[in-house]
Amino acid sequence: MLDYTAKLTLHPAQVTRDDVERLRSVGFSDQAILQINLIASWFNYINRVADGLGVGR
């Protein structure tokens, strides 16, 4: 899961079906994979908004 979220964060265009299959192979359901993706994506989005507005600087 952490490898997947790191790849989604740092290299989103490189995420492939194989990455999702790897999550399935270790026991994550489709619903769990969706939740992992949504949570990681939301944090990436909100952090970029905050960075773009200079929040915390």
Protein backbone atom coordinates (compact mmCIF):
# COMPACT_ATOMS: atom_id res chain seq x y z
CA MET A 1 0.00 0.00 0.00
CA LEU A 2 2.77 2.44 0.86
CA ASP A 3 4.64 1.68 -2.36
CA TYR A 4 1.44 2.35 -4.29
CA THR A 5 0.71 5.65 -2.54
CA ALA A 6 4.32 6.81 -2.95
CA LYS A 7 4.17 6.04 -6.68
CA LEU A 8 0.79 7.76 -6.97
CA THR A 9 2.23 10.82 -5.22
CA LEU A 10 5.61 11.04 -6.95
CA HIS A 11 4.95 9.52 -10.38
CA PRO A 12 1.18 9.36 -10.96
CA ALA A 13 1.47 8.87 -14.73
CA GLN A 14 3.46 5.68 -14.08
CA VAL A 15 0.74 3.93 -12.04
CA THR A 16 -0.47 0.93 -14.02
CA ARG A 17 -2.97 -1.87 -13.75
CA ASP A 18 -0.12 -4.03 -12.42
CA ASP A 19 0.14 -1.74 -9.38
CA VAL A 20 -3.54 -2.30 -8.63
CA GLU A 21 -3.15 -6.04 -9.18
CA ARG A 22 -0.28 -6.07 -6.70
CA LEU A 23 -2.60 -4.58 -4.07
CA ARG A 24 -5.21 -7.23 -4.85
CA SER A 25 -2.60 -9.99 -4.60
CA VAL A 26 -1.82 -9.05 -0.99
CA GLY A 27 -5.48 -9.02 -0.01
CA PHE A 28 -6.86 -5.54 -0.64
CA SER A 29 -10.41 -5.49 -1.98
CA ASP A 30 -11.47 -3.21 -4.81
CA GLN A 31 -13.25 -1.01 -2.27
CA ALA A 32 -10.10 -0.76 -0.15
CA ILE A 33 -7.99 0.06 -3.23
CA LEU A 34 -10.43 2.81 -4.16
CA GLN A 35 -10.25 4.22 -0.63
CA ILE A 36 -6.43 4.10 -0.64
CA ASN A 37 -6.40 5.95 -3.96
CA LEU A 38 -8.97 8.55 -2.91
CA ILE A 39 -7.30 9.32 0.42
CA ALA A 40 -3.80 9.60 -1.09
CA SER A 41 -5.11 11.70 -3.97
CA TRP A 42 -7.05 14.01 -1.65
CA PHE A 43 -3.99 14.61 0.56
CA ASN A 44 -1.86 15.27 -2.53
CA TYR A 45 -4.45 17.75 -3.79
CA ILE A 46 -4.93 19.59 -0.51
CA ASN A 47 -1.18 19.80 0.12
CA ARG A 48 -0.65 21.36 -3.30
CA VAL A 49 -3.42 23.87 -2.64
CA ALA A 50 -1.81 24.78 0.68
CA ASP A 51 1.66 25.01 -0.88
CA GLY A 52 0.29 27.16 -3.70
CA LEU A 53 -1.19 29.56 -1.18
CA GLY A 54 1.90 29.66 1.00
CA VAL A 55 0.11 28.14 3.98
CA GLY A 56 2.50 27.34 6.80
CA ARG A 57 5.32 29.53 5.56
